[in-house]
Amino acid sequence: MELRQIEYFVAVARELHFGRAAEKLHVAQPSISQQIKALETELGVQLFERTSKAVTLTAAGVELLPLGIQLLDGAENVRRAAELTARRVMGGVRIGFLADEYSHPATDRFLAAIRRQHPRLTLEFQQLDFAEHHRALERGEVDLAFVLEPAPDTQTRVALFDWPRLVAVSTALDVPDRDAVAAVLAQQPIALPNQMASQAWRMAWLPHVSPGQTFVVGEDSMEAMLALVGASRAVCVVPEYVARYYPQPGVRFLSVPWLGPCTVALGALRTREHEPQIAAILKVAAAAATRRRSGR
């Protein structure tokens, strides 16, 4: 007995017409008739009563039809399970992070989807510094990373969520009132990490835009940047997590109305985005991001 014969039997039983069953299955009608006859011979029962006007199920056919449907459903479940297993990837992946991106609700949903879809994939989280998180991908220290936009064109990204941004200033800096913030900041040098001091990064991470701005570039860690701020030598724009994780003597954090949030994305090198583990994670992240935007 072949599964194909069961499929033909169920199709004819549902249509009660050999011609319509053949059309539905995209096979020739004689082939269906031959396979049904072979099945009847093997089972030792007649499944259909055939006349020139109608096709009906025999008592044996009525009894066997639910079992045939159950067999086909079981075969379909096996096929789907095999396809899912084939799509799953395994191995270890290193993901760089800055603070608590992996516990954000948007990230938590996508990580839960990874565990569900690729249970054999091991995720290893590695903390990176703000000043180095783009370069960590370039140097191969991590396979993927939570990156803050704007990221280099060498990286492919999936946007996950936004973080508010603050301006770190010295506690000695006199800011008389909220309306005076822009004028005061316009007179201050701006500290930038060397690895992200491209023109695109500078423009995106300025507390204001003014001609003749002075930049202090080259600090290799968040602590070094904040030390400059605490020494009244510069100000800098930082993600809000810095206020929670990097308390620094002599530094305070201002929320200014014109400074929008930064986008946190999951990034990978374009030269590696088709590697199985990386491609699988990016695909899951993209699907989670799409569901979040559509409100599902």
Protein backbone atom coordinates (compact mmCIF):
# COMPACT_ATOMS: atom_id res chain seq x y z
CA MET A 1 0.00 0.00 0.00
CA GLU A 2 1.38 3.38 -1.02
CA LEU A 3 0.60 6.81 0.39
CA ARG A 4 -0.23 7.91 -3.15
CA GLN A 5 -3.00 5.31 -3.30
CA ILE A 6 -4.47 6.62 -0.02
CA GLU A 7 -4.34 10.16 -1.43
CA TYR A 8 -6.22 9.06 -4.55
CA PHE A 9 -8.81 7.18 -2.46
CA VAL A 10 -9.49 10.22 -0.23
CA ALA A 11 -9.72 12.57 -3.23
CA VAL A 12 -12.28 10.36 -5.02
CA ALA A 13 -14.22 9.85 -1.78
CA ARG A 14 -14.50 13.61 -1.30
CA GLU A 15 -15.41 14.38 -4.90
CA LEU A 16 -17.39 11.19 -5.62
CA HIS A 17 -16.18 11.65 -9.16
CA PHE A 18 -13.02 10.20 -10.70
CA GLY A 19 -12.65 12.99 -13.26
CA ARG A 20 -12.90 15.83 -10.75
CA ALA A 21 -10.50 14.03 -8.39
CA ALA A 22 -8.01 13.66 -11.24
CA GLU A 23 -8.26 17.38 -12.05
CA LYS A 24 -7.74 18.33 -8.41
CA LEU A 25 -4.67 16.12 -8.13
CA HIS A 26 -3.36 17.11 -11.60
CA VAL A 27 -3.05 13.50 -12.74
CA ALA A 28 -4.66 11.46 -15.51
CA GLN A 29 -7.98 9.80 -14.67
CA PRO A 30 -6.82 6.31 -15.77
CA SER A 31 -3.96 6.53 -13.28
CA ILE A 32 -6.39 7.18 -10.43
CA SER A 33 -8.62 4.30 -11.52
CA GLN A 34 -5.66 1.91 -11.72
CA GLN A 35 -4.31 2.88 -8.28
CA ILE A 36 -7.73 2.64 -6.62
CA LYS A 37 -8.18 -0.84 -8.16
CA ALA A 38 -4.73 -1.87 -6.90
CA LEU A 39 -5.58 -0.61 -3.42
CA GLU A 40 -8.88 -2.50 -3.39
CA THR A 41 -7.09 -5.67 -4.47
CA GLU A 42 -4.45 -5.32 -1.75
CA LEU A 43 -7.02 -4.58 0.98
CA GLY A 44 -9.42 -7.24 -0.24
CA VAL A 45 -12.42 -4.90 -0.14
CA GLN A 46 -14.35 -2.79 -2.62
CA LEU A 47 -14.14 0.91 -1.77
CA PHE A 48 -16.52 2.40 -4.35
CA GLU A 49 -19.71 1.46 -6.14
CA ARG A 50 -19.37 2.64 -9.74
CA THR A 51 -22.25 3.12 -12.15
CA SER A 52 -22.56 5.12 -15.35
CA LYS A 53 -24.31 7.86 -13.39
CA ALA A 54 -22.65 7.99 -9.95
CA VAL A 55 -19.80 6.97 -7.70
CA THR A 56 -20.59 6.12 -4.08
CA LEU A 57 -18.63 4.79 -1.14
CA THR A 58 -19.22 1.24 -0.05
CA ALA A 59 -19.62 0.42 3.62
CA ALA A 60 -15.92 -0.49 3.69
CA GLY A 61 -15.05 2.80 1.99
CA VAL A 62 -17.05 4.80 4.55
CA GLU A 63 -15.26 2.98 7.38
CA LEU A 64 -11.78 3.41 5.92
CA LEU A 65 -12.11 7.06 4.84
CA PRO A 66 -11.39 8.60 8.31
CA LEU A 67 -8.32 6.37 8.62
CA GLY A 68 -7.13 7.46 5.18
CA ILE A 69 -7.54 11.14 6.09
CA GLN A 70 -5.67 10.52 9.33
CA LEU A 71 -2.80 8.88 7.44
CA LEU A 72 -2.52 11.83 5.04
CA ASP A 73 -2.61 14.34 7.90
CA GLY A 74 0.12 12.40 9.70
CA ALA A 75 2.28 12.37 6.57
CA GLU A 76 1.80 16.14 6.16
CA ASN A 77 2.83 16.72 9.78
CA VAL A 78 5.97 14.66 9.22
CA ARG A 79 6.79 16.69 6.10
CA ARG A 80 6.33 20.00 7.92
CA ALA A 81 8.42 18.84 10.87
CA ALA A 82 11.18 17.74 8.50
CA GLU A 83 11.14 21.10 6.73
CA LEU A 84 11.33 22.93 10.06
CA THR A 85 14.24 20.77 11.18
CA ALA A 86 16.04 21.42 7.91
CA ARG A 87 15.66 25.19 8.37
CA ARG A 88 17.01 25.14 11.91
CA VAL A 89 20.62 26.05 12.44
CA MET A 90 23.00 25.06 15.20
CA GLY A 91 26.27 26.29 16.61
CA GLY A 92 27.39 29.29 18.63
CA VAL A 93 26.91 32.99 17.87
CA ARG A 94 28.54 35.92 19.71
CA ILE A 95 26.36 39.00 20.08
CA GLY A 96 27.85 42.26 21.31
CA PHE A 97 25.82 44.53 23.58
CA LEU A 98 26.31 47.86 25.33
CA ALA A 99 24.05 47.77 28.38
CA ASP A 100 20.69 46.02 28.67
CA GLU A 101 19.54 45.83 25.05
CA TYR A 102 18.97 42.09 25.38
CA SER A 103 16.33 42.67 28.10
CA HIS A 104 14.35 45.32 26.21
CA PRO A 105 10.81 44.06 25.43
CA ALA A 106 11.38 44.32 21.66
CA THR A 107 14.61 42.34 21.91
CA ASP A 108 13.17 39.86 24.36
CA ARG A 109 10.44 38.92 21.87
CA PHE A 110 12.92 38.31 19.09
CA LEU A 111 15.25 36.28 21.34
CA ALA A 112 12.27 34.15 22.41
CA ALA A 113 11.55 33.53 18.73
CA ILE A 114 15.16 32.43 18.17
CA ARG A 115 14.97 29.96 21.05
CA ARG A 116 11.71 28.62 19.65
CA GLN A 117 12.78 28.38 16.00
CA HIS A 118 16.45 27.44 16.48
CA PRO A 119 16.72 25.62 19.82
CA ARG A 120 20.16 24.20 18.93
CA LEU A 121 21.66 27.68 18.42
CA THR A 122 23.76 28.93 21.34
CA LEU A 123 23.85 32.69 21.94
CA GLU A 124 26.81 34.20 23.76
CA PHE A 125 26.49 37.86 24.79
CA GLN A 126 29.66 39.94 25.03
CA GLN A 127 29.70 43.46 26.45
CA LEU A 128 31.22 46.17 24.27
CA ASP A 129 32.12 49.79 24.90
CA PHE A 130 30.18 52.60 23.27
CA ALA A 131 33.36 53.81 21.57
CA GLU A 132 34.15 50.39 20.08
CA HIS A 133 30.89 48.63 19.29
CA HIS A 134 31.00 49.29 15.54
CA ARG A 135 34.64 48.24 15.27
CA ALA A 136 34.01 45.01 17.22
CA LEU A 137 32.11 43.69 14.20
CA GLU A 138 34.82 44.81 11.79
CA ARG A 139 37.50 43.05 13.84
CA GLY A 140 35.49 39.84 14.15
CA GLU A 141 35.30 40.02 17.94
CA VAL A 142 31.55 39.35 17.69
CA ASP A 143 29.32 37.92 14.97
CA LEU A 144 26.44 40.32 15.50
CA ALA A 145 26.02 43.35 17.72
CA PHE A 146 23.45 45.79 18.97
CA VAL A 147 24.61 48.96 17.22
CA LEU A 148 23.58 52.58 17.48
CA GLU A 149 22.76 54.37 14.25
CA PRO A 150 24.19 55.70 12.06
CA ALA A 151 26.20 52.53 11.46
CA PRO A 152 28.76 52.18 8.64
CA ASP A 153 27.60 51.07 5.20
CA THR A 154 29.68 47.92 5.66
CA GLN A 155 27.05 46.69 8.13
CA THR A 156 23.54 45.40 7.51
CA ARG A 157 21.07 46.27 10.25
CA VAL A 158 17.60 45.47 11.55
CA ALA A 159 16.14 48.31 13.63
CA LEU A 160 14.73 47.04 16.93
CA PHE A 161 13.82 49.99 19.18
CA ASP A 162 14.76 53.55 20.16
CA TRP A 163 16.71 54.79 23.16
CA PRO A 164 16.32 58.36 24.45
CA ARG A 165 19.48 60.47 24.32
CA LEU A 166 20.87 62.85 26.91
CA VAL A 167 23.60 65.48 26.98
CA ALA A 168 26.34 64.85 29.54
CA VAL A 169 27.67 68.12 30.98
CA SER A 170 29.89 69.15 33.87
CA THR A 171 28.13 69.93 37.13
CA ALA A 172 30.23 73.11 37.08
CA LEU A 173 28.62 74.25 33.82
CA ASP A 174 26.16 77.03 34.50
CA VAL A 175 22.86 76.47 32.74
CA PRO A 176 20.59 79.16 34.18
CA ASP A 177 17.30 77.85 32.74
CA ARG A 178 15.87 75.49 30.14
CA ASP A 179 15.68 78.18 27.47
CA ALA A 180 19.39 78.91 27.84
CA VAL A 181 20.57 75.33 27.21
CA ALA A 182 21.15 75.73 23.47
CA ALA A 183 23.20 78.91 23.89
CA VAL A 184 25.35 77.37 26.62
CA LEU A 185 25.98 74.11 24.74
CA ALA A 186 26.91 76.01 21.57
CA GLN A 187 30.00 77.32 23.38
CA GLN A 188 31.23 73.90 24.53
CA PRO A 189 33.60 71.48 22.75
CA ILE A 190 31.98 68.13 21.94
CA ALA A 191 33.64 64.85 22.88
CA LEU A 192 33.38 62.05 20.32
CA PRO A 193 34.80 58.51 20.31
CA ASN A 194 37.49 58.16 17.68
CA GLN A 195 36.06 55.02 16.08
CA MET A 196 32.77 56.70 15.26
CA ALA A 197 33.95 60.19 14.38
CA SER A 198 32.82 60.05 10.75
CA GLN A 199 30.94 63.05 9.42
CA ALA A 200 27.64 61.12 9.54
CA TRP A 201 28.23 60.18 13.17
CA ARG A 202 29.25 63.70 14.15
CA MET A 203 26.12 65.22 12.66
CA ALA A 204 23.85 62.62 14.28
CA TRP A 205 25.39 62.92 17.75
CA LEU A 206 25.69 66.68 18.15
CA PRO A 207 23.75 68.38 20.93
CA HIS A 208 23.23 71.25 18.47
CA VAL A 209 24.46 72.37 15.08
CA SER A 210 26.59 75.50 14.88
CA PRO A 211 29.42 76.69 12.62
CA GLY A 212 32.97 76.57 13.91
CA GLN A 213 32.24 73.77 16.38
CA THR A 214 35.16 72.32 18.34
CA PHE A 215 35.46 68.55 18.66
CA VAL A 216 37.52 66.50 21.07
CA VAL A 217 38.01 63.22 19.20
CA GLY A 218 39.89 60.10 20.14
CA GLU A 219 38.61 58.89 23.50
CA ASP A 220 38.59 55.10 23.55
CA SER A 221 35.91 54.44 26.17
CA MET A 222 32.78 55.91 27.69
CA GLU A 223 34.64 56.46 30.96
CA ALA A 224 37.28 58.52 29.16
CA MET A 225 34.63 60.66 27.46
CA LEU A 226 32.83 61.28 30.74
CA ALA A 227 36.12 62.13 32.43
CA LEU A 228 36.53 64.93 29.89
CA VAL A 229 33.03 66.11 30.69
CA GLY A 230 33.64 66.00 34.43
CA ALA A 231 36.81 68.05 33.96
CA SER A 232 34.73 70.76 32.18
CA ARG A 233 36.64 70.17 28.93
CA ALA A 234 33.71 69.02 26.76
CA VAL A 235 30.09 67.90 26.61
CA CYS A 236 28.79 64.82 24.80
CA VAL A 237 25.57 63.20 23.66
CA VAL A 238 24.98 59.74 25.13
CA PRO A 239 22.25 57.09 25.13
CA GLU A 240 20.12 57.16 28.26
CA TYR A 241 21.62 53.94 29.61
CA VAL A 242 24.84 55.85 30.34
CA ALA A 243 23.10 57.82 33.09
CA ARG A 244 22.12 54.49 34.70
CA TYR A 245 25.35 52.54 34.26
CA TYR A 246 28.13 55.16 34.27
CA PRO A 247 27.72 57.46 37.26
CA GLN A 248 30.70 59.83 37.12
CA PRO A 249 31.77 62.46 39.63
CA GLY A 250 31.23 65.96 38.31
CA VAL A 251 28.86 64.87 35.50
CA ARG A 252 25.14 65.42 35.13
CA PHE A 253 22.79 64.46 32.32
CA LEU A 254 20.39 66.87 30.64
CA SER A 255 17.29 66.00 28.66
CA VAL A 256 16.93 68.61 25.93
CA PRO A 257 13.70 68.94 23.93
CA TRP A 258 15.24 69.02 20.45
CA LEU A 259 17.45 65.95 20.86
CA GLY A 260 15.64 62.91 19.52
CA PRO A 261 16.26 59.26 20.38
CA CYS A 262 18.84 56.99 18.80
CA THR A 263 17.87 53.82 16.97
CA VAL A 264 19.20 50.55 18.34
CA ALA A 265 19.65 47.96 15.59
CA LEU A 266 20.98 44.43 15.34
CA GLY A 267 23.96 44.66 13.02
CA ALA A 268 26.24 42.28 11.13
CA LEU A 269 28.91 42.71 8.49
CA ARG A 270 27.50 42.62 4.96
CA THR A 271 30.28 40.21 4.05
CA ARG A 272 28.92 37.74 6.61
CA GLU A 273 25.15 38.28 6.46
CA HIS A 274 24.60 35.08 4.44
CA GLU A 275 26.36 32.79 6.91
CA PRO A 276 23.68 30.35 8.18
CA GLN A 277 23.66 31.36 11.85
CA ILE A 278 23.84 35.09 11.16
CA ALA A 279 21.24 34.95 8.38
CA ALA A 280 18.86 32.99 10.61
CA ILE A 281 19.11 35.50 13.46
CA LEU A 282 18.70 38.51 11.16
CA LYS A 283 15.63 36.89 9.60
CA VAL A 284 14.01 36.30 12.99
CA ALA A 285 14.86 39.86 14.08
CA ALA A 286 13.35 41.31 10.89
CA ALA A 287 10.14 39.33 11.38
CA ALA A 288 9.89 40.48 15.02
CA ALA A 289 10.49 44.10 13.98
CA THR A 290 7.78 43.86 11.31
CA ARG A 291 5.27 42.49 13.83
CA ARG A 292 6.14 45.28 16.28
CA ARG A 293 5.60 47.99 13.64
CA SER A 294 2.26 46.49 12.59
CA GLY A 295 1.15 46.18 16.19
CA ARG A 296 0.74 42.41 16.09
